Amino acid sequence: MPVAIITGASKGLGRALAEALGARGWDLVLDARGADALKETAEAVTGHGTRVVALPGDVTDGGHRAELVAAAWRLGGADLLVSNASALGAEPLVRLAELPPEGLRRALEVNVVAALGLVQEALPLLQASPAGAVIAVSSDAAAEAYETWGGYGASKAALDQLTAVLGVEEPGLRVWAVDPGDMATDLYAAAVPDDDAPRPAPADVVPAFLRLLDERPASGRYAAPALLEAR
């Protein structure tokens, strides 16, 4: 069975991806900071009959990243790495004039530095897979100038650039930065708590990610809404 490592898998898009891949027969290594929510996700995914290893922890911890990759190795390798764990930098979001430097530093550590560290740790396993792939969950804030989204957007823009370069440096892999579009998630609610406009559920966006895995287009940046429209 193929094996995927998914960070930030206790809820939102990470959980939706875990459930979809589990239903397809993937074995999974799941990470999140909240142990109780992660355990609940693991129990739900295990219902599909696949092997699931749930490891609570912080992706900025190098030891924790090594544990995730070691767990994947014990399951047989790593065919997919999904960097979904994210930090906003401030909750709720604030203008750049008010953004605490430590908040920006946290966003960069989680969204960029930890994502690269996990790729580096998992790279030998991904290279050994006949269909190794990396998905970095991006945002339209990485490309557009939205008020109060500057710190988070800057971190996602940096992640996009690292992902693009990785795709060039590792031609044997598929490396995709994916903008999932607006979703009804706890992350968005924390970012803009006064915005209660209806948004798609994360599960509605997952088919775009599955399409990438099925069709394996060239490494690059993709927007989930466009992938869904083209189905």
Protein backbone atom coordinates (compact mmCIF):
# COMPACT_ATOMS: atom_id res chain seq x y z
CA MET A 1 0.00 0.00 0.00
CA PRO A 2 1.21 3.56 -0.63
CA VAL A 3 2.15 5.59 2.43
CA ALA A 4 1.48 9.28 3.06
CA ILE A 5 2.71 11.65 5.76
CA ILE A 6 0.20 14.44 6.45
CA THR A 7 0.89 17.28 8.86
CA GLY A 8 -1.86 19.26 10.51
CA ALA A 9 -4.13 16.24 10.10
CA SER A 10 -6.39 16.54 13.14
CA LYS A 11 -9.04 18.69 11.46
CA GLY A 12 -9.87 20.78 8.41
CA LEU A 13 -8.16 19.98 5.14
CA GLY A 14 -5.61 17.66 6.76
CA ARG A 15 -8.31 15.42 8.19
CA ALA A 16 -10.32 15.50 4.97
CA LEU A 17 -7.24 14.42 2.99
CA ALA A 18 -6.48 11.66 5.50
CA GLU A 19 -10.01 10.29 5.25
CA ALA A 20 -9.98 10.40 1.45
CA LEU A 21 -6.60 8.69 1.14
CA GLY A 22 -7.53 6.13 3.79
CA ALA A 23 -10.66 5.30 1.80
CA ARG A 24 -8.37 4.67 -1.18
CA GLY A 25 -6.25 2.22 0.79
CA TRP A 26 -3.34 4.45 1.73
CA ASP A 27 -1.44 3.82 4.95
CA LEU A 28 -0.95 7.08 6.85
CA VAL A 29 1.34 8.86 9.26
CA LEU A 30 -0.59 11.77 10.77
CA ASP A 31 0.66 14.74 12.75
CA ALA A 32 -0.97 17.55 14.71
CA ARG A 33 -0.36 19.44 17.92
CA GLY A 34 -3.72 18.50 19.47
CA ALA A 35 -3.43 14.92 20.70
CA ASP A 36 -7.14 14.35 21.36
CA ALA A 37 -8.33 15.64 17.99
CA LEU A 38 -5.58 13.71 16.22
CA LYS A 39 -6.59 10.49 18.00
CA GLU A 40 -10.19 11.05 16.87
CA THR A 41 -9.07 11.51 13.27
CA ALA A 42 -6.89 8.39 13.41
CA GLU A 43 -9.77 6.32 14.74
CA ALA A 44 -12.04 7.55 11.96
CA VAL A 45 -9.47 6.79 9.25
CA THR A 46 -8.61 3.38 10.69
CA GLY A 47 -12.21 2.43 9.98
CA HIS A 48 -11.21 2.14 6.33
CA GLY A 49 -8.97 -0.80 7.23
CA THR A 50 -5.65 0.93 6.59
CA ARG A 51 -2.73 1.32 8.96
CA VAL A 52 -2.60 4.70 10.69
CA VAL A 53 0.14 6.06 12.94
CA ALA A 54 -0.84 9.24 14.79
CA LEU A 55 2.01 11.22 16.32
CA PRO A 56 1.09 14.41 18.18
CA GLY A 57 3.79 17.05 18.16
CA ASP A 58 5.08 20.28 16.69
CA VAL A 59 6.56 20.19 13.18
CA THR A 60 9.11 22.81 14.19
CA ASP A 61 10.73 20.13 16.40
CA GLY A 62 13.37 18.28 14.40
CA GLY A 63 13.02 15.22 16.61
CA HIS A 64 9.30 15.07 15.91
CA ARG A 65 9.91 15.32 12.15
CA ALA A 66 12.35 12.42 12.41
CA GLU A 67 9.70 10.38 14.24
CA LEU A 68 7.19 11.00 11.45
CA VAL A 69 9.61 9.78 8.79
CA ALA A 70 10.68 6.79 10.89
CA ALA A 71 7.02 5.80 11.26
CA ALA A 72 6.56 6.00 7.49
CA TRP A 73 9.66 3.84 6.99
CA ARG A 74 8.20 1.20 9.29
CA LEU A 75 5.02 1.20 7.18
CA GLY A 76 7.10 0.57 4.06
CA GLY A 77 8.33 3.98 2.90
CA ALA A 78 6.88 7.34 1.90
CA ASP A 79 5.09 7.97 -1.37
CA LEU A 80 3.52 11.31 -0.47
CA LEU A 81 4.35 14.14 1.90
CA VAL A 82 1.66 16.74 2.54
CA SER A 83 2.81 19.88 4.36
CA ASN A 84 -0.51 21.16 5.64
CA ALA A 85 0.34 22.39 9.14
CA SER A 86 0.15 26.19 9.21
CA ALA A 87 0.54 29.12 11.57
CA LEU A 88 -1.12 32.48 10.97
CA GLY A 89 1.33 34.69 12.85
CA ALA A 90 -1.49 36.48 14.68
CA GLU A 91 -5.01 35.45 15.66
CA PRO A 92 -7.00 37.32 14.50
CA LEU A 93 -4.88 38.68 11.68
CA VAL A 94 -3.57 42.23 12.00
CA ARG A 95 -2.04 44.85 9.74
CA LEU A 96 1.71 44.67 9.21
CA ALA A 97 2.20 47.74 11.40
CA GLU A 98 0.84 45.71 14.31
CA LEU A 99 2.23 42.26 13.48
CA PRO A 100 4.43 41.02 16.36
CA PRO A 101 7.85 39.94 15.07
CA GLU A 102 7.56 36.76 17.09
CA GLY A 103 4.28 36.01 15.31
CA LEU A 104 5.90 36.39 11.90
CA ARG A 105 8.81 34.27 13.10
CA ARG A 106 6.39 31.52 14.16
CA ALA A 107 4.61 31.61 10.79
CA LEU A 108 7.92 31.29 8.96
CA GLU A 109 9.12 28.49 11.25
CA VAL A 110 5.96 26.41 10.81
CA ASN A 111 5.03 27.21 7.23
CA VAL A 112 8.49 27.32 5.67
CA VAL A 113 11.38 26.09 7.80
CA ALA A 114 9.57 23.05 9.22
CA ALA A 115 8.11 22.16 5.83
CA LEU A 116 11.58 22.14 4.28
CA GLY A 117 13.00 20.23 7.23
CA LEU A 118 10.41 17.50 6.80
CA VAL A 119 11.11 17.29 3.06
CA GLN A 120 14.82 16.91 3.81
CA GLU A 121 14.11 14.18 6.37
CA ALA A 122 11.75 12.28 4.05
CA LEU A 123 13.61 12.81 0.78
CA PRO A 124 15.42 9.43 0.64
CA LEU A 125 12.10 7.61 1.06
CA LEU A 126 10.32 9.82 -1.47
CA GLN A 127 13.13 9.32 -3.99
CA ALA A 128 12.90 5.55 -3.53
CA SER A 129 9.17 5.56 -4.29
CA PRO A 130 8.11 4.87 -7.89
CA ALA A 131 5.60 7.71 -7.57
CA GLY A 132 7.04 10.04 -4.92
CA ALA A 133 5.22 13.34 -4.49
CA VAL A 134 5.25 16.40 -2.25
CA ILE A 135 2.24 18.66 -1.72
CA ALA A 136 2.71 22.02 -0.02
CA VAL A 137 -0.61 23.59 0.94
CA SER A 138 -0.38 27.21 -0.15
CA SER A 139 -2.83 30.12 -0.22
CA ASP A 140 -3.96 32.83 -2.60
CA ALA A 141 -2.51 35.20 0.02
CA ALA A 142 0.89 34.04 -1.27
CA ALA A 143 0.21 35.78 -4.58
CA GLU A 144 -2.31 38.52 -3.77
CA ALA A 145 -2.06 41.54 -1.45
CA TYR A 146 -4.86 41.17 1.07
CA GLU A 147 -5.01 43.56 4.00
CA THR A 148 -3.95 41.88 7.28
CA TRP A 149 -2.75 38.74 5.46
CA GLY A 150 0.81 40.06 4.97
CA GLY A 151 2.70 37.89 7.43
CA TYR A 152 0.87 34.67 6.59
CA GLY A 153 0.99 35.46 2.88
CA ALA A 154 4.73 36.14 3.01
CA SER A 155 5.33 32.75 4.64
CA LYS A 156 3.22 30.98 2.02
CA ALA A 157 4.99 32.86 -0.79
CA ALA A 158 8.29 31.61 0.60
CA LEU A 159 6.87 28.09 0.74
CA ASP A 160 5.78 28.40 -2.90
CA GLN A 161 9.30 29.39 -3.92
CA LEU A 162 10.90 26.52 -2.02
CA THR A 163 8.41 24.14 -3.60
CA ALA A 164 9.15 25.46 -7.09
CA VAL A 165 12.89 25.06 -6.61
CA LEU A 166 12.46 21.58 -5.14
CA GLY A 167 10.54 20.59 -8.27
CA VAL A 168 13.48 21.68 -10.41
CA GLU A 169 16.08 20.03 -8.20
CA GLU A 170 14.17 16.75 -7.87
CA PRO A 171 12.84 15.95 -11.37
CA GLY A 172 12.09 12.37 -10.32
CA LEU A 173 9.40 13.61 -7.92
CA ARG A 174 6.18 15.48 -8.42
CA VAL A 175 6.22 18.62 -6.29
CA TRP A 176 3.04 20.68 -6.15
CA ALA A 177 2.14 23.86 -4.30
CA VAL A 178 -1.65 23.86 -4.06
CA ASP A 179 -3.87 26.82 -3.23
CA PRO A 180 -7.03 25.17 -1.86
CA GLY A 181 -9.09 28.35 -2.11
CA ASP A 182 -11.51 29.56 0.56
CA MET A 183 -12.65 26.88 2.98
CA ALA A 184 -14.67 26.74 6.17
CA THR A 185 -11.88 25.85 8.59
CA ASP A 186 -10.88 26.70 12.13
CA LEU A 187 -7.78 28.39 10.70
CA TYR A 188 -9.87 30.83 8.68
CA ALA A 189 -12.20 31.42 11.63
CA ALA A 190 -9.20 32.26 13.80
CA ALA A 191 -7.80 34.56 11.12
CA VAL A 192 -10.99 36.52 10.48
CA PRO A 193 -13.48 35.70 13.25
CA ASP A 194 -16.04 38.29 12.10
CA ASP A 195 -16.34 36.81 8.60
CA ASP A 196 -19.11 34.21 8.67
CA ALA A 197 -19.78 34.07 4.92
CA PRO A 198 -20.47 30.55 3.62
CA ARG A 199 -17.43 28.66 2.31
CA PRO A 200 -16.83 25.16 0.94
CA ALA A 201 -16.08 22.40 3.41
CA PRO A 202 -12.54 21.00 3.18
CA ALA A 203 -13.96 17.68 1.93
CA ASP A 204 -15.35 19.54 -1.10
CA VAL A 205 -11.83 20.62 -2.05
CA VAL A 206 -10.15 17.22 -1.62
CA PRO A 207 -11.07 15.96 -5.14
CA ALA A 208 -8.65 18.55 -6.56
CA PHE A 209 -5.80 16.98 -4.59
CA LEU A 210 -6.85 13.50 -5.63
CA ARG A 211 -6.82 14.61 -9.24
CA LEU A 212 -3.19 15.64 -8.91
CA LEU A 213 -2.32 12.23 -7.50
CA ASP A 214 -4.25 10.45 -10.24
CA GLU A 215 -3.01 12.46 -13.21
CA ARG A 216 0.44 13.48 -11.90
CA PRO A 217 0.84 16.70 -13.88
CA ALA A 218 4.17 18.49 -13.97
CA SER A 219 5.54 19.95 -10.77
CA GLY A 220 4.29 23.49 -10.19
CA ARG A 221 1.65 25.63 -8.51
CA TYR A 222 -2.01 24.71 -8.84
CA ALA A 223 -5.28 26.20 -7.63
CA ALA A 224 -7.85 23.74 -6.37
CA PRO A 225 -10.86 25.67 -7.75
CA ALA A 226 -9.38 25.53 -11.26
CA LEU A 227 -8.69 21.81 -10.92
CA LEU A 228 -12.28 21.22 -9.81
CA GLU A 229 -13.72 23.26 -12.67
CA ALA A 230 -11.68 21.32 -15.24
CA ARG A 231 -12.94 17.92 -14.13
